[in-house]
Amino acid sequence: QVQLVESGGGLVQAGGSLRLSCTASGRTFSSYAMGWFRQAPGKEREFVGAISWNDGNSFYEDSVKGRFTISRDSSKNTGILEMNSLQPEETAVYYCGATNVWGWKATKSPLAYDYWGQGTQVTVSS
């Protein structure tokens, strides 16, 4: 069993930055990947990016490339999502998740994830 606890959401103006954290506890996390998703009201959960916990490799959805960065602090079992140049349309609840699946297509699907954080609200004002 893995527990994920998120923090760091809030309100930011368009063009601003936010940093989200996701701390894992429970069983050893080294065999997992951590993904970040977001879900706006009335919309499906959307993939943002993911990081392999073992080697730190990461990849992103095209819409956030160059603006969002995912990293990990293995000593603290914490994943970080740094978001820059945020836009109002990126207002959503942001979730971290844990998966044993690592692959360009598979890791992007919410169905691949066994565990989820509680979600944190990110609101970008215009």
N, C-alpha and C. Protein backbone atom coordinates (compact mmCIF):
# COMPACT_ATOMS: atom_id res chain seq x y z
N GLN A 1 0.84 -1.20 0.00
CA GLN A 1 0.00 0.00 0.00
C GLN A 1 0.87 1.25 0.00
N VAL A 2 0.49 2.21 -0.80
CA VAL A 2 1.20 3.49 -0.89
C VAL A 2 0.22 4.61 -0.58
N GLN A 3 0.65 5.53 0.24
CA GLN A 3 -0.15 6.73 0.50
C GLN A 3 0.57 7.93 -0.10
N LEU A 4 -0.19 8.78 -0.74
CA LEU A 4 0.35 9.97 -1.38
C LEU A 4 -0.34 11.19 -0.79
N VAL A 5 0.44 12.15 -0.36
CA VAL A 5 -0.11 13.38 0.21
C VAL A 5 0.45 14.57 -0.55
N GLU A 6 -0.44 15.36 -1.07
CA GLU A 6 -0.04 16.51 -1.88
C GLU A 6 -0.12 17.80 -1.07
N SER A 7 0.66 18.77 -1.53
CA SER A 7 0.61 20.10 -0.96
C SER A 7 1.07 21.10 -2.00
N GLY A 8 0.74 22.38 -1.75
CA GLY A 8 1.32 23.44 -2.56
C GLY A 8 0.39 24.14 -3.53
N GLY A 9 -0.86 23.74 -3.61
CA GLY A 9 -1.75 24.44 -4.53
C GLY A 9 -2.08 25.83 -4.03
N GLY A 10 -2.86 26.55 -4.83
CA GLY A 10 -3.26 27.88 -4.42
C GLY A 10 -3.70 28.73 -5.60
N LEU A 11 -3.74 30.02 -5.35
CA LEU A 11 -4.18 30.99 -6.34
C LEU A 11 -2.98 31.75 -6.87
N VAL A 12 -2.90 31.88 -8.18
CA VAL A 12 -1.79 32.59 -8.81
C VAL A 12 -2.33 33.37 -10.01
N GLN A 13 -1.70 34.47 -10.32
CA GLN A 13 -2.09 35.24 -11.49
C GLN A 13 -1.53 34.60 -12.75
N ALA A 14 -2.17 34.88 -13.86
CA ALA A 14 -1.70 34.39 -15.14
C ALA A 14 -0.24 34.79 -15.34
N GLY A 15 0.56 33.83 -15.80
CA GLY A 15 1.98 34.07 -15.98
C GLY A 15 2.81 33.73 -14.76
N GLY A 16 2.14 33.42 -13.67
CA GLY A 16 2.84 33.12 -12.43
C GLY A 16 3.27 31.67 -12.32
N SER A 17 3.81 31.34 -11.15
CA SER A 17 4.39 30.01 -10.92
C SER A 17 3.85 29.42 -9.63
N LEU A 18 3.81 28.10 -9.61
CA LEU A 18 3.47 27.36 -8.40
C LEU A 18 4.30 26.10 -8.35
N ARG A 19 4.48 25.61 -7.13
CA ARG A 19 5.25 24.38 -6.91
C ARG A 19 4.41 23.42 -6.08
N LEU A 20 4.15 22.26 -6.63
CA LEU A 20 3.37 21.24 -5.93
C LEU A 20 4.30 20.13 -5.46
N SER A 21 3.96 19.57 -4.30
CA SER A 21 4.73 18.45 -3.78
C SER A 21 3.81 17.25 -3.56
N CYS A 22 4.39 16.08 -3.65
CA CYS A 22 3.64 14.84 -3.41
C CYS A 22 4.57 13.89 -2.66
N THR A 23 4.23 13.62 -1.41
CA THR A 23 5.07 12.77 -0.57
C THR A 23 4.45 11.39 -0.44
N ALA A 24 5.27 10.39 -0.72
CA ALA A 24 4.81 9.01 -0.66
C ALA A 24 5.23 8.35 0.63
N SER A 25 4.37 7.50 1.16
CA SER A 25 4.70 6.70 2.34
C SER A 25 4.11 5.32 2.15
N GLY A 26 4.54 4.43 2.99
CA GLY A 26 4.06 3.05 2.87
C GLY A 26 5.17 2.18 2.32
N ARG A 27 4.83 1.36 1.36
CA ARG A 27 5.81 0.45 0.82
C ARG A 27 6.86 1.20 0.01
N THR A 28 7.97 0.52 -0.26
CA THR A 28 9.08 1.12 -0.99
C THR A 28 8.61 1.66 -2.33
N PHE A 29 9.00 2.89 -2.61
CA PHE A 29 8.49 3.58 -3.79
C PHE A 29 9.41 3.44 -5.00
N SER A 30 10.59 2.87 -4.83
CA SER A 30 11.59 2.89 -5.89
C SER A 30 11.15 2.18 -7.16
N SER A 31 10.21 1.25 -7.05
CA SER A 31 9.78 0.52 -8.23
C SER A 31 8.63 1.21 -8.97
N TYR A 32 8.20 2.35 -8.48
CA TYR A 32 7.07 3.04 -9.06
C TYR A 32 7.53 4.21 -9.94
N ALA A 33 6.58 4.72 -10.68
CA ALA A 33 6.71 6.02 -11.33
C ALA A 33 5.63 6.92 -10.73
N MET A 34 5.92 8.20 -10.70
CA MET A 34 4.94 9.17 -10.20
C MET A 34 4.45 10.00 -11.37
N GLY A 35 3.16 10.03 -11.52
CA GLY A 35 2.56 10.83 -12.57
C GLY A 35 1.80 12.00 -11.98
N TRP A 36 1.68 13.03 -12.76
CA TRP A 36 0.89 14.21 -12.38
C TRP A 36 -0.21 14.40 -13.41
N PHE A 37 -1.40 14.62 -12.89
CA PHE A 37 -2.59 14.83 -13.72
C PHE A 37 -3.31 16.07 -13.23
N ARG A 38 -4.22 16.55 -14.04
CA ARG A 38 -5.10 17.63 -13.61
C ARG A 38 -6.50 17.38 -14.13
N GLN A 39 -7.46 17.90 -13.39
CA GLN A 39 -8.85 17.69 -13.76
C GLN A 39 -9.64 18.97 -13.49
N ALA A 40 -10.13 19.56 -14.56
CA ALA A 40 -10.97 20.75 -14.46
C ALA A 40 -12.43 20.31 -14.33
N PRO A 41 -13.29 21.15 -13.78
CA PRO A 41 -14.70 20.79 -13.62
C PRO A 41 -15.33 20.36 -14.93
N GLY A 42 -15.99 19.22 -14.92
CA GLY A 42 -16.68 18.73 -16.10
C GLY A 42 -15.79 18.11 -17.16
N LYS A 43 -14.51 17.98 -16.84
CA LYS A 43 -13.58 17.42 -17.83
C LYS A 43 -12.93 16.15 -17.28
N GLU A 44 -12.34 15.38 -18.18
CA GLU A 44 -11.64 14.17 -17.78
C GLU A 44 -10.29 14.53 -17.16
N ARG A 45 -9.79 13.57 -16.40
CA ARG A 45 -8.46 13.75 -15.81
C ARG A 45 -7.42 13.70 -16.93
N GLU A 46 -6.56 14.72 -16.94
CA GLU A 46 -5.63 14.93 -18.04
C GLU A 46 -4.19 14.73 -17.57
N PHE A 47 -3.42 13.99 -18.34
CA PHE A 47 -2.01 13.75 -18.02
C PHE A 47 -1.20 15.02 -18.19
N VAL A 48 -0.32 15.27 -17.22
CA VAL A 48 0.60 16.42 -17.28
C VAL A 48 2.02 15.94 -17.53
N GLY A 49 2.49 15.01 -16.75
CA GLY A 49 3.83 14.48 -16.89
C GLY A 49 4.07 13.39 -15.88
N ALA A 50 5.22 12.73 -16.00
CA ALA A 50 5.54 11.64 -15.10
C ALA A 50 7.04 11.50 -14.96
N ILE A 51 7.46 10.90 -13.86
CA ILE A 51 8.88 10.67 -13.61
C ILE A 51 9.08 9.25 -13.11
N SER A 52 10.10 8.60 -13.64
CA SER A 52 10.48 7.29 -13.16
C SER A 52 11.28 7.44 -11.87
N TRP A 53 10.82 6.82 -10.81
CA TRP A 53 11.51 7.02 -9.53
C TRP A 53 12.89 6.40 -9.52
N ASN A 54 13.08 5.36 -10.28
CA ASN A 54 14.34 4.63 -10.27
C ASN A 54 15.48 5.45 -10.88
N ASP A 55 15.24 6.06 -12.06
CA ASP A 55 16.34 6.73 -12.75
C ASP A 55 16.09 8.22 -13.00
N GLY A 56 14.91 8.71 -12.63
CA GLY A 56 14.64 10.14 -12.77
C GLY A 56 14.25 10.58 -14.17
N ASN A 57 14.12 9.64 -15.10
CA ASN A 57 13.65 10.03 -16.43
C ASN A 57 12.22 10.56 -16.34
N SER A 58 11.93 11.55 -17.16
CA SER A 58 10.59 12.15 -17.13
C SER A 58 10.12 12.49 -18.54
N PHE A 59 8.83 12.62 -18.69
CA PHE A 59 8.28 13.11 -19.94
C PHE A 59 6.99 13.87 -19.64
N TYR A 60 6.58 14.69 -20.60
CA TYR A 60 5.50 15.64 -20.38
C TYR A 60 4.52 15.65 -21.54
N GLU A 61 3.31 16.09 -21.21
CA GLU A 61 2.35 16.38 -22.25
C GLU A 61 2.85 17.60 -23.02
N ASP A 62 2.56 17.63 -24.31
CA ASP A 62 3.10 18.70 -25.15
C ASP A 62 2.72 20.10 -24.66
N SER A 63 1.53 20.24 -24.12
CA SER A 63 1.04 21.57 -23.73
C SER A 63 1.82 22.18 -22.58
N VAL A 64 2.57 21.38 -21.83
CA VAL A 64 3.30 21.92 -20.68
C VAL A 64 4.81 21.86 -20.85
N LYS A 65 5.27 21.27 -21.94
CA LYS A 65 6.71 21.16 -22.17
C LYS A 65 7.37 22.53 -22.16
N GLY A 66 8.48 22.61 -21.46
CA GLY A 66 9.22 23.87 -21.39
C GLY A 66 8.73 24.80 -20.29
N ARG A 67 7.55 24.50 -19.73
CA ARG A 67 7.01 25.34 -18.64
C ARG A 67 6.93 24.58 -17.32
N PHE A 68 6.67 23.30 -17.39
CA PHE A 68 6.53 22.47 -16.18
C PHE A 68 7.75 21.57 -16.06
N THR A 69 8.17 21.35 -14.84
CA THR A 69 9.29 20.44 -14.57
C THR A 69 8.93 19.52 -13.42
N ILE A 70 9.15 18.24 -13.62
CA ILE A 70 8.93 17.24 -12.57
C ILE A 70 10.29 16.75 -12.08
N SER A 71 10.43 16.70 -10.79
CA SER A 71 11.66 16.19 -10.19
C SER A 71 11.28 15.34 -8.98
N ARG A 72 12.28 14.73 -8.38
CA ARG A 72 12.03 13.93 -7.18
C ARG A 72 13.17 14.08 -6.20
N ASP A 73 12.82 13.99 -4.94
CA ASP A 73 13.81 13.94 -3.88
C ASP A 73 13.65 12.56 -3.25
N SER A 74 14.49 11.64 -3.67
CA SER A 74 14.33 10.26 -3.23
C SER A 74 14.52 10.12 -1.72
N SER A 75 15.38 10.95 -1.15
CA SER A 75 15.64 10.84 0.30
C SER A 75 14.40 11.19 1.11
N LYS A 76 13.50 11.98 0.52
CA LYS A 76 12.28 12.38 1.21
C LYS A 76 11.05 11.72 0.62
N ASN A 77 11.25 10.85 -0.38
CA ASN A 77 10.14 10.19 -1.06
C ASN A 77 9.12 11.21 -1.57
N THR A 78 9.63 12.31 -2.08
CA THR A 78 8.77 13.42 -2.50
C THR A 78 8.99 13.76 -3.97
N GLY A 79 7.89 13.88 -4.68
CA GLY A 79 7.92 14.35 -6.05
C GLY A 79 7.51 15.81 -6.10
N ILE A 80 8.08 16.53 -7.05
CA ILE A 80 7.84 17.96 -7.18
C ILE A 80 7.35 18.25 -8.59
N LEU A 81 6.32 19.07 -8.68
CA LEU A 81 5.87 19.59 -9.97
C LEU A 81 6.01 21.10 -9.91
N GLU A 82 6.94 21.64 -10.68
CA GLU A 82 7.13 23.08 -10.76
C GLU A 82 6.46 23.58 -12.02
N MET A 83 5.59 24.57 -11.86
CA MET A 83 4.79 25.07 -12.96
C MET A 83 5.07 26.55 -13.16
N ASN A 84 5.44 26.90 -14.37
CA ASN A 84 5.71 28.29 -14.72
C ASN A 84 4.79 28.75 -15.83
N SER A 85 4.66 30.05 -15.96
CA SER A 85 3.84 30.64 -17.03
C SER A 85 2.44 30.04 -17.05
N LEU A 86 1.84 29.93 -15.90
CA LEU A 86 0.51 29.34 -15.80
C LEU A 86 -0.54 30.22 -16.46
N GLN A 87 -1.52 29.56 -17.05
CA GLN A 87 -2.60 30.25 -17.75
C GLN A 87 -3.94 29.90 -17.12
N PRO A 88 -4.94 30.79 -17.25
CA PRO A 88 -6.25 30.53 -16.62
C PRO A 88 -6.87 29.19 -16.99
N GLU A 89 -6.64 28.75 -18.21
CA GLU A 89 -7.23 27.47 -18.64
C GLU A 89 -6.59 26.27 -17.96
N GLU A 90 -5.54 26.52 -17.20
CA GLU A 90 -4.89 25.45 -16.46
C GLU A 90 -5.40 25.34 -15.02
N THR A 91 -6.42 26.11 -14.72
CA THR A 91 -7.10 25.98 -13.44
C THR A 91 -7.73 24.60 -13.34
N ALA A 92 -7.39 23.90 -12.27
CA ALA A 92 -7.86 22.51 -12.12
C ALA A 92 -7.44 22.00 -10.74
N VAL A 93 -7.94 20.83 -10.42
CA VAL A 93 -7.39 20.07 -9.29
C VAL A 93 -6.26 19.22 -9.85
N TYR A 94 -5.12 19.34 -9.23
CA TYR A 94 -3.94 18.60 -9.67
C TYR A 94 -3.73 17.40 -8.75
N TYR A 95 -3.48 16.25 -9.37
CA TYR A 95 -3.31 15.00 -8.64
C TYR A 95 -1.95 14.38 -8.95
N CYS A 96 -1.35 13.77 -7.96
CA CYS A 96 -0.22 12.89 -8.22
C CYS A 96 -0.70 11.45 -8.08
N GLY A 97 -0.03 10.57 -8.79
CA GLY A 97 -0.40 9.16 -8.74
C GLY A 97 0.84 8.29 -8.82
N ALA A 98 0.69 7.05 -8.42
CA ALA A 98 1.78 6.08 -8.45
C ALA A 98 1.39 4.91 -9.34
N THR A 99 2.32 4.53 -10.20
CA THR A 99 2.07 3.43 -11.13
C THR A 99 3.31 2.58 -11.27
N ASN A 100 3.08 1.29 -11.58
CA ASN A 100 4.18 0.40 -11.92
C ASN A 100 4.42 0.37 -13.42
N VAL A 101 3.64 1.12 -14.16
CA VAL A 101 3.70 1.09 -15.61
C VAL A 101 4.54 2.25 -16.12
N TRP A 102 5.53 1.94 -16.92
CA TRP A 102 6.38 3.00 -17.49
C TRP A 102 6.48 2.80 -18.99
N GLY A 103 5.88 3.72 -19.70
CA GLY A 103 5.88 3.66 -21.16
C GLY A 103 5.17 4.91 -21.67
N TRP A 104 5.56 5.35 -22.85
CA TRP A 104 5.08 6.64 -23.36
C TRP A 104 3.56 6.72 -23.36
N LYS A 105 2.89 5.67 -23.82
CA LYS A 105 1.44 5.72 -23.93
C LYS A 105 0.77 5.25 -22.64
N ALA A 106 1.28 4.16 -22.09
CA ALA A 106 0.62 3.55 -20.95
C ALA A 106 0.63 4.44 -19.71
N THR A 107 1.73 5.10 -19.47
CA THR A 107 1.87 5.90 -18.26
C THR A 107 0.96 7.13 -18.30
N LYS A 108 0.50 7.51 -19.47
CA LYS A 108 -0.35 8.67 -19.63
C LYS A 108 -1.81 8.38 -19.27
N SER A 109 -2.15 7.12 -19.11
CA SER A 109 -3.53 6.76 -18.82
C SER A 109 -3.78 6.71 -17.32
N PRO A 110 -4.82 7.38 -16.83
CA PRO A 110 -5.16 7.29 -15.40
C PRO A 110 -5.43 5.85 -14.96
N LEU A 111 -5.82 5.00 -15.89
CA LEU A 111 -6.14 3.62 -15.53
C LEU A 111 -4.91 2.85 -15.09
N ALA A 112 -3.72 3.36 -15.44
CA ALA A 112 -2.48 2.67 -15.07
C ALA A 112 -2.09 2.90 -13.61
N TYR A 113 -2.77 3.78 -12.93
CA TYR A 113 -2.34 4.21 -11.60
C TYR A 113 -3.09 3.46 -10.50
N ASP A 114 -2.30 2.98 -9.54
CA ASP A 114 -2.87 2.22 -8.44
C ASP A 114 -3.20 3.10 -7.24
N TYR A 115 -2.48 4.20 -7.12
CA TYR A 115 -2.65 5.06 -5.96
C TYR A 115 -2.71 6.51 -6.39
N TRP A 116 -3.49 7.29 -5.65
CA TRP A 116 -3.65 8.71 -5.96
C TRP A 116 -3.53 9.55 -4.70
N GLY A 117 -3.01 10.76 -4.89
CA GLY A 117 -3.08 11.73 -3.82
C GLY A 117 -4.48 12.32 -3.73
N GLN A 118 -4.66 13.16 -2.74
CA GLN A 118 -5.99 13.71 -2.48
C GLN A 118 -6.36 14.84 -3.43
N GLY A 119 -5.38 15.33 -4.17
CA GLY A 119 -5.62 16.45 -5.08
C GLY A 119 -5.43 17.78 -4.41
N THR A 120 -4.95 18.74 -5.18
CA THR A 120 -4.78 20.09 -4.66
C THR A 120 -5.24 21.08 -5.73
N GLN A 121 -5.98 22.09 -5.30
CA GLN A 121 -6.57 23.05 -6.22
C GLN A 121 -5.53 24.06 -6.68
N VAL A 122 -5.46 24.25 -7.98
CA VAL A 122 -4.66 25.31 -8.57
C VAL A 122 -5.61 26.22 -9.34
N THR A 123 -5.62 27.49 -8.97
CA THR A 123 -6.48 28.46 -9.62
C THR A 123 -5.63 29.56 -10.22
N VAL A 124 -5.77 29.78 -11.51
CA VAL A 124 -5.01 30.80 -12.20
C VAL A 124 -5.97 31.91 -12.63
N SER A 125 -5.76 33.08 -12.10
CA SER A 125 -6.64 34.20 -12.41
C SER A 125 -6.11 34.99 -13.59
N SER A 126 -7.03 35.56 -14.34
CA SER A 126 -6.62 36.33 -15.54
C SER A 126 -6.40 37.79 -15.21
